[in-house]
Every structure is written in C-alpha cells, then in structure tokens.
C-alpha cells in the first residue's frame, strides 16, 4: 500500500495538494499547510461533513481536524488543512508519510523547508 489523503474515511482524495512546511528554530515543532484546489471532496455529490483530513499509510493514520474551505464567489473552491507536530518523533512520522505520499503519486520530493533551518 502506498500513502493517501482522505477527507472521508476509505475514500482517497485524488487531487494532490500544495504542501508548505514551517518549523520552529529548534526544529521540534511546526506545521504543514495543505492546499487542495478543486478537490473531489468538495464535489456536490460528495458534500458530506468533512470532519478532518486523514493521512493514511502502512504505519496507520495521521489526523488533523483543522480543515477549512476557501470560497470564491460563494462556492467552495479549495480546502486548506493544517497538520501540527509538537515533537521530533511526530515530525519524523509526518516526513515518512510525506515521502510515501510523494512516491505513490509520482511527485518530486524536496526536503527544502521555508522559514526554518535546513534539515
């Protein structure tokens, strides 16, 4: 199994997000901001309640409840989700997911980060 992102349990979101990482100076805490433009989760036929974003891989699932829709002309056009980690172990777990997600979606993966020191 590769890695997938889900807004509804068991339903993989096919739209690949733009992901930006920020970390504290000591590297222990930080956030990943995911932006999905026109995701399937916002399609009228799927409009259920989105209660979170689930990042699923072989190790299990990482969950964030910080998900909000961005609206243009009164219509939801994007989803933004923020995943926060509080320690190095959580960050390393997130990075393992990110690597698997990149590999399973044929993405180039850059370890470069904004706003913090190079890893």
C-alpha atoms as a PDB file:
ATOM      1  CA  UNK A   1       0.000   0.000   0.000  1.00  0.00           C
ATOM      2  CA  UNK A   2       1.183   3.485  -0.770  1.00  0.00           C
ATOM      3  CA  UNK A   3       0.016   6.571   1.031  1.00  0.00           C
ATOM      4  CA  UNK A   4      -3.202   8.509   0.581  1.00  0.00           C
ATOM      5  CA  UNK A   5      -5.026  11.538   1.908  1.00  0.00           C
ATOM      6  CA  UNK A   6      -8.691  11.176   2.773  1.00  0.00           C
ATOM      7  CA  UNK A   7     -11.391  13.611   3.876  1.00  0.00           C
ATOM      8  CA  UNK A   8     -13.927  10.788   4.159  1.00  0.00           C
ATOM      9  CA  UNK A   9     -12.670   7.536   5.672  1.00  0.00           C
ATOM     10  CA  UNK A  10     -11.954   4.984   2.955  1.00  0.00           C
ATOM     11  CA  UNK A  11     -12.185   7.500   0.085  1.00  0.00           C
ATOM     12  CA  UNK A  12      -8.823   8.633  -1.299  1.00  0.00           C
ATOM     13  CA  UNK A  13      -8.649  12.265  -2.449  1.00  0.00           C
ATOM     14  CA  UNK A  14      -7.164  12.184  -5.990  1.00  0.00           C
ATOM     15  CA  UNK A  15      -6.235  15.882  -6.063  1.00  0.00           C
ATOM     16  CA  UNK A  16      -2.628  16.345  -4.999  1.00  0.00           C
ATOM     17  CA  UNK A  17      -2.175  19.302  -2.633  1.00  0.00           C
ATOM     18  CA  UNK A  18       0.398  22.023  -2.491  1.00  0.00           C
ATOM     19  CA  UNK A  19       2.190  21.461   0.828  1.00  0.00           C
ATOM     20  CA  UNK A  20       4.252  24.035   2.747  1.00  0.00           C
ATOM     21  CA  UNK A  21       6.228  23.252   5.873  1.00  0.00           C
ATOM     22  CA  UNK A  22       7.278  25.631   8.607  1.00  0.00           C
ATOM     23  CA  UNK A  23       9.325  24.643  11.643  1.00  0.00           C
ATOM     24  CA  UNK A  24      10.435  26.322  14.819  1.00  0.00           C
ATOM     25  CA  UNK A  25      14.091  27.274  15.064  1.00  0.00           C
ATOM     26  CA  UNK A  26      14.909  24.226  17.169  1.00  0.00           C
ATOM     27  CA  UNK A  27      13.043  22.015  14.681  1.00  0.00           C
ATOM     28  CA  UNK A  28      10.897  20.311  17.320  1.00  0.00           C
ATOM     29  CA  UNK A  29       7.545  21.894  16.475  1.00  0.00           C
ATOM     30  CA  UNK A  30       5.996  23.002  13.238  1.00  0.00           C
ATOM     31  CA  UNK A  31       3.159  22.830  10.776  1.00  0.00           C
ATOM     32  CA  UNK A  32       2.348  21.545   7.331  1.00  0.00           C
ATOM     33  CA  UNK A  33      -0.218  23.547   5.366  1.00  0.00           C
ATOM     34  CA  UNK A  34      -2.026  21.566   2.659  1.00  0.00           C
ATOM     35  CA  UNK A  35      -3.961  23.391  -0.070  1.00  0.00           C
ATOM     36  CA  UNK A  36      -6.191  21.337  -2.372  1.00  0.00           C
ATOM     37  CA  UNK A  37      -7.529  23.250  -5.389  1.00  0.00           C
ATOM     38  CA  UNK A  38     -10.904  21.930  -6.617  1.00  0.00           C
ATOM     39  CA  UNK A  39     -10.704  18.679  -4.590  1.00  0.00           C
ATOM     40  CA  UNK A  40     -13.187  15.867  -5.203  1.00  0.00           C
ATOM     41  CA  UNK A  41     -14.198  16.159  -1.530  1.00  0.00           C
ATOM     42  CA  UNK A  42     -15.959  19.430  -2.445  1.00  0.00           C
ATOM     43  CA  UNK A  43     -17.885  17.990  -5.410  1.00  0.00           C
ATOM     44  CA  UNK A  44     -21.658  18.427  -4.925  1.00  0.00           C
ATOM     45  CA  UNK A  45     -22.290  14.683  -4.954  1.00  0.00           C
ATOM     46  CA  UNK A  46     -19.824  14.141  -2.110  1.00  0.00           C
ATOM     47  CA  UNK A  47     -20.732  17.135   0.012  1.00  0.00           C
ATOM     48  CA  UNK A  48     -20.852  15.442   3.360  1.00  0.00           C
ATOM     49  CA  UNK A  49     -19.468  16.868   6.548  1.00  0.00           C
ATOM     50  CA  UNK A  50     -15.695  16.946   6.400  1.00  0.00           C
ATOM     51  CA  UNK A  51     -14.576  16.279   9.961  1.00  0.00           C
ATOM     52  CA  UNK A  52     -10.857  16.113   9.304  1.00  0.00           C
ATOM     53  CA  UNK A  53      -8.031  15.137   6.993  1.00  0.00           C
ATOM     54  CA  UNK A  54      -6.600  11.650   7.310  1.00  0.00           C
ATOM     55  CA  UNK A  55      -3.100  10.871   6.039  1.00  0.00           C
ATOM     56  CA  UNK A  56      -3.066   7.096   5.671  1.00  0.00           C
ATOM     57  CA  UNK A  57      -0.094   4.810   5.068  1.00  0.00           C
ATOM     58  CA  UNK A  58       1.376   1.482   6.220  1.00  0.00           C
ATOM     59  CA  UNK A  59       2.008   2.845   9.725  1.00  0.00           C
ATOM     60  CA  UNK A  60      -1.578   3.939  10.269  1.00  0.00           C
ATOM     61  CA  UNK A  61      -3.161   7.369  10.015  1.00  0.00           C
ATOM     62  CA  UNK A  62      -2.202  10.903  10.968  1.00  0.00           C
ATOM     63  CA  UNK A  63      -5.261  13.064  11.598  1.00  0.00           C
ATOM     64  CA  UNK A  64      -5.893  16.783  11.694  1.00  0.00           C
ATOM     65  CA  UNK A  65      -9.235  18.400  12.468  1.00  0.00           C
ATOM     66  CA  UNK A  66      -8.015  21.787  11.194  1.00  0.00           C
ATOM     67  CA  UNK A  67      -9.707  21.791   7.792  1.00  0.00           C
ATOM     68  CA  UNK A  68     -11.454  24.756   6.225  1.00  0.00           C
ATOM     69  CA  UNK A  69     -12.926  25.549   2.842  1.00  0.00           C
ATOM     70  CA  UNK A  70     -11.913  28.585   0.811  1.00  0.00           C
ATOM     71  CA  UNK A  71     -14.746  30.208  -1.138  1.00  0.00           C
ATOM     72  CA  UNK A  72     -14.736  32.126  -4.420  1.00  0.00           C
ATOM     73  CA  UNK A  73     -17.976  33.819  -5.486  1.00  0.00           C
ATOM     74  CA  UNK A  74     -19.881  31.896  -2.831  1.00  0.00           C
ATOM     75  CA  UNK A  75     -18.678  28.483  -3.986  1.00  0.00           C
ATOM     76  CA  UNK A  76     -16.147  26.331  -2.180  1.00  0.00           C
ATOM     77  CA  UNK A  77     -13.101  26.197  -4.443  1.00  0.00           C
ATOM     78  CA  UNK A  78     -10.345  24.828  -2.229  1.00  0.00           C
ATOM     79  CA  UNK A  79      -9.679  23.021   1.022  1.00  0.00           C
ATOM     80  CA  UNK A  80      -6.928  24.078   3.399  1.00  0.00           C
ATOM     81  CA  UNK A  81      -5.738  21.743   6.130  1.00  0.00           C
ATOM     82  CA  UNK A  82      -3.091  22.328   8.770  1.00  0.00           C
ATOM     83  CA  UNK A  83      -1.224  19.476  10.458  1.00  0.00           C
ATOM     84  CA  UNK A  84       0.789  20.474  13.540  1.00  0.00           C
ATOM     85  CA  UNK A  85       3.513  18.460  15.233  1.00  0.00           C
ATOM     86  CA  UNK A  86       4.787  19.052  18.751  1.00  0.00           C
ATOM     87  CA  UNK A  87       7.990  16.986  18.868  1.00  0.00           C
ATOM     88  CA  UNK A  88      10.708  15.439  16.746  1.00  0.00           C
ATOM     89  CA  UNK A  89       9.076  11.983  16.705  1.00  0.00           C
ATOM     90  CA  UNK A  90       5.835  13.419  15.294  1.00  0.00           C
ATOM     91  CA  UNK A  91       7.798  15.367  12.677  1.00  0.00           C
ATOM     92  CA  UNK A  92       9.748  12.271  11.623  1.00  0.00           C
ATOM     93  CA  UNK A  93       6.493  10.302  11.377  1.00  0.00           C
ATOM     94  CA  UNK A  94       4.981  13.050   9.211  1.00  0.00           C
ATOM     95  CA  UNK A  95       8.044  13.085   6.955  1.00  0.00           C
ATOM     96  CA  UNK A  96       7.812   9.297   6.472  1.00  0.00           C
ATOM     97  CA  UNK A  97       4.189   9.782   5.370  1.00  0.00           C
ATOM     98  CA  UNK A  98       5.191  12.673   3.060  1.00  0.00           C
ATOM     99  CA  UNK A  99       7.904  10.554   1.439  1.00  0.00           C
ATOM    100  CA  UNK A 100       5.490   7.653   0.849  1.00  0.00           C
ATOM    101  CA  UNK A 101       2.822  10.029  -0.467  1.00  0.00           C
ATOM    102  CA  UNK A 102       5.300  11.592  -2.902  1.00  0.00           C
ATOM    103  CA  UNK A 103       6.432   8.159  -4.112  1.00  0.00           C
ATOM    104  CA  UNK A 104       2.915   6.791  -4.549  1.00  0.00           C
ATOM    105  CA  UNK A 105       1.833   9.900  -6.518  1.00  0.00           C
ATOM    106  CA  UNK A 106       4.982  10.206  -8.673  1.00  0.00           C
ATOM    107  CA  UNK A 107       5.876  13.552  -7.146  1.00  0.00           C
ATOM    108  CA  UNK A 108       9.245  15.131  -6.840  1.00  0.00           C
ATOM    109  CA  UNK A 109      10.025  15.430  -3.154  1.00  0.00           C
ATOM    110  CA  UNK A 110      12.115  18.325  -1.914  1.00  0.00           C
ATOM    111  CA  UNK A 111      13.472  18.277   1.613  1.00  0.00           C
ATOM    112  CA  UNK A 112      13.935  22.046   1.495  1.00  0.00           C
ATOM    113  CA  UNK A 113      11.913  23.962   4.039  1.00  0.00           C
ATOM    114  CA  UNK A 114      10.739  27.511   4.355  1.00  0.00           C
ATOM    115  CA  UNK A 115      11.061  29.582   7.465  1.00  0.00           C
ATOM    116  CA  UNK A 116      13.363  27.252   9.326  1.00  0.00           C
ATOM    117  CA  UNK A 117      16.817  25.853   9.147  1.00  0.00           C
ATOM    118  CA  UNK A 118      17.755  23.271   6.557  1.00  0.00           C
ATOM    119  CA  UNK A 119      17.178  19.726   7.728  1.00  0.00           C
END
